[in-house]
Amino acid sequence: MSTYFELSDIKDAIVAGQDVEVYMAEADEAIEDLAERHAVATTDIEIAPVHYKVRRYGIAYTLMRFCQDRISKASADQPPEQNKYAILYGLYKREMHDLESEISYEMLSGTVNNMRDRANLSTVTVFRG
């Protein structure tokens, strides 16, 4: 089971009734890898509450990997089914990529102090003269 999000956090019906715990465990490792790239020790990752973008990254990873495996397992006589998984795979991979560029050290370590930090430090202050 995942440390950073719950099965109930996954809202996509495509995984209804499916065992996705192995993908959730992989997602935890992906979050920890992302933390290491931001110089956050895995022991310093904020466990509760996890920033929503970090949680969403883990969910997107889980769904991407689930769809990736389904693409390879879809039978040749079910191309529409295979296409569905291929489309969702691309969607979740893109979401992961987008979230990865938005997640900051502060979001991973739980030190987000204000709305500027929550915007991934990408906002600027505008002064009127």
Protein backbone atom coordinates (compact mmCIF):
# COMPACT_ATOMS: atom_id res chain seq x y z
CA MET A 1 0.00 0.00 0.00
CA SER A 2 1.14 3.52 -0.70
CA THR A 3 2.58 5.80 1.93
CA TYR A 4 1.73 9.04 0.15
CA PHE A 5 -1.85 8.43 -1.03
CA GLU A 6 -4.72 6.01 -0.55
CA LEU A 7 -6.50 3.74 -3.00
CA SER A 8 -9.62 5.83 -2.35
CA ASP A 9 -7.75 8.86 -3.78
CA ILE A 10 -7.77 7.20 -7.22
CA LYS A 11 -11.02 8.25 -8.89
CA ASP A 12 -10.54 6.83 -12.40
CA ALA A 13 -13.04 4.00 -12.91
CA ILE A 14 -10.55 2.15 -15.10
CA VAL A 15 -8.98 0.62 -11.98
CA ALA A 16 -12.28 -0.34 -10.32
CA GLY A 17 -11.97 -3.88 -9.02
CA GLN A 18 -8.32 -4.12 -10.09
CA ASP A 19 -5.36 -4.78 -7.82
CA VAL A 20 -3.13 -1.72 -8.20
CA GLU A 21 -1.07 -2.02 -5.01
CA VAL A 22 2.08 -2.92 -6.93
CA TYR A 23 1.68 0.26 -9.01
CA MET A 24 1.05 2.30 -5.86
CA ALA A 25 4.29 0.96 -4.38
CA GLU A 26 6.11 1.95 -7.58
CA ALA A 27 4.52 5.40 -7.32
CA ASP A 28 5.97 5.78 -3.81
CA GLU A 29 9.40 5.00 -5.24
CA ALA A 30 8.84 7.55 -8.03
CA ILE A 31 7.90 10.20 -5.43
CA GLU A 32 11.01 9.35 -3.44
CA ASP A 33 13.12 9.59 -6.59
CA LEU A 34 11.60 13.00 -7.32
CA ALA A 35 12.38 14.05 -3.74
CA GLU A 36 16.01 12.99 -4.14
CA ARG A 37 16.27 15.09 -7.30
CA HIS A 38 15.05 18.06 -5.22
CA ALA A 39 17.61 17.26 -2.49
CA VAL A 40 14.93 16.15 -0.04
CA ALA A 41 15.95 13.11 1.98
CA THR A 42 13.31 10.39 1.84
CA THR A 43 13.08 10.61 5.62
CA ASP A 44 12.18 14.31 5.26
CA ILE A 45 9.30 13.83 2.81
CA GLU A 46 6.16 15.11 4.44
CA ILE A 47 3.95 12.07 4.99
CA ALA A 48 0.81 13.73 6.31
CA PRO A 49 -0.55 15.83 4.92
CA VAL A 50 1.07 15.24 1.56
CA HIS A 51 0.85 18.25 -0.75
CA TYR A 52 -1.94 17.68 -3.26
CA LYS A 53 0.41 17.96 -6.27
CA VAL A 54 2.73 15.32 -4.81
CA ARG A 55 -0.26 13.07 -4.13
CA ARG A 56 -1.60 13.71 -7.64
CA TYR A 57 1.84 12.86 -9.09
CA GLY A 58 1.70 9.48 -7.34
CA ILE A 59 -1.82 8.82 -8.57
CA ALA A 60 -0.88 9.75 -12.14
CA TYR A 61 2.15 7.45 -11.93
CA THR A 62 -0.03 4.59 -10.69
CA LEU A 63 -2.55 5.03 -13.48
CA MET A 64 0.14 5.47 -16.14
CA ARG A 65 1.84 2.20 -15.13
CA PHE A 66 -1.49 0.37 -14.93
CA CYS A 67 -2.36 1.49 -18.47
CA GLN A 68 1.14 0.68 -19.72
CA ASP A 69 0.78 -2.91 -18.57
CA ARG A 70 -2.70 -3.17 -20.06
CA ILE A 71 -1.45 -2.01 -23.46
CA SER A 72 0.96 -4.93 -23.60
CA LYS A 73 -1.63 -7.41 -22.26
CA ALA A 74 -4.53 -6.37 -24.51
CA SER A 75 -5.21 -9.08 -27.05
CA ALA A 76 -4.75 -8.43 -30.74
CA ASP A 77 -8.44 -8.98 -31.40
CA GLN A 78 -9.43 -6.07 -29.11
CA PRO A 79 -7.78 -3.01 -30.68
CA PRO A 80 -10.35 -0.52 -29.26
CA GLU A 81 -9.54 -1.72 -25.75
CA GLN A 82 -5.83 -1.42 -26.44
CA ASN A 83 -6.39 2.05 -27.87
CA LYS A 84 -8.24 3.14 -24.71
CA TYR A 85 -5.27 2.17 -22.56
CA ALA A 86 -2.81 3.81 -24.97
CA ILE A 87 -4.77 7.07 -24.85
CA LEU A 88 -4.99 7.02 -21.04
CA TYR A 89 -1.32 6.09 -20.78
CA GLY A 90 -0.41 9.22 -22.76
CA LEU A 91 -2.77 11.36 -20.69
CA TYR A 92 -1.34 10.25 -17.36
CA LYS A 93 2.25 10.38 -18.58
CA ARG A 94 1.70 14.00 -19.64
CA GLU A 95 0.08 14.82 -16.30
CA MET A 96 3.09 13.35 -14.50
CA HIS A 97 5.45 15.42 -16.63
CA ASP A 98 3.45 18.60 -15.96
CA LEU A 99 3.27 17.95 -12.22
CA GLU A 100 6.97 17.09 -12.04
CA SER A 101 7.84 20.57 -13.31
CA GLU A 102 5.53 22.17 -10.72
CA ILE A 103 6.57 20.21 -7.62
CA SER A 104 9.07 22.04 -5.44
CA TYR A 105 11.35 21.22 -2.54
CA GLU A 106 8.84 22.89 -0.23
CA MET A 107 5.97 20.74 -1.47
CA LEU A 108 7.96 17.54 -0.88
CA SER A 109 9.32 18.53 2.52
CA GLY A 110 6.07 20.02 3.82
CA THR A 111 7.55 23.48 4.27
CA VAL A 112 5.14 25.36 2.00
CA ASN A 113 4.59 28.59 3.91
CA ASN A 114 2.43 30.74 1.70
CA MET A 115 0.57 30.89 -1.58
CA ARG A 116 3.74 31.92 -3.43
CA ASP A 117 5.36 28.62 -2.41
CA ARG A 118 2.23 26.71 -3.45
CA ALA A 119 2.57 28.23 -6.92
CA ASN A 120 6.01 26.58 -7.14
CA LEU A 121 7.82 29.87 -6.74
CA SER A 122 6.89 30.77 -10.30
CA THR A 123 4.92 33.91 -9.50
CA VAL A 124 6.31 37.39 -9.56
CA THR A 125 5.47 40.37 -7.44
CA VAL A 126 3.96 43.25 -9.39
CA PHE A 127 4.48 46.77 -8.10
CA ARG A 128 2.35 49.66 -9.19
CA GLY A 129 3.98 53.05 -9.20
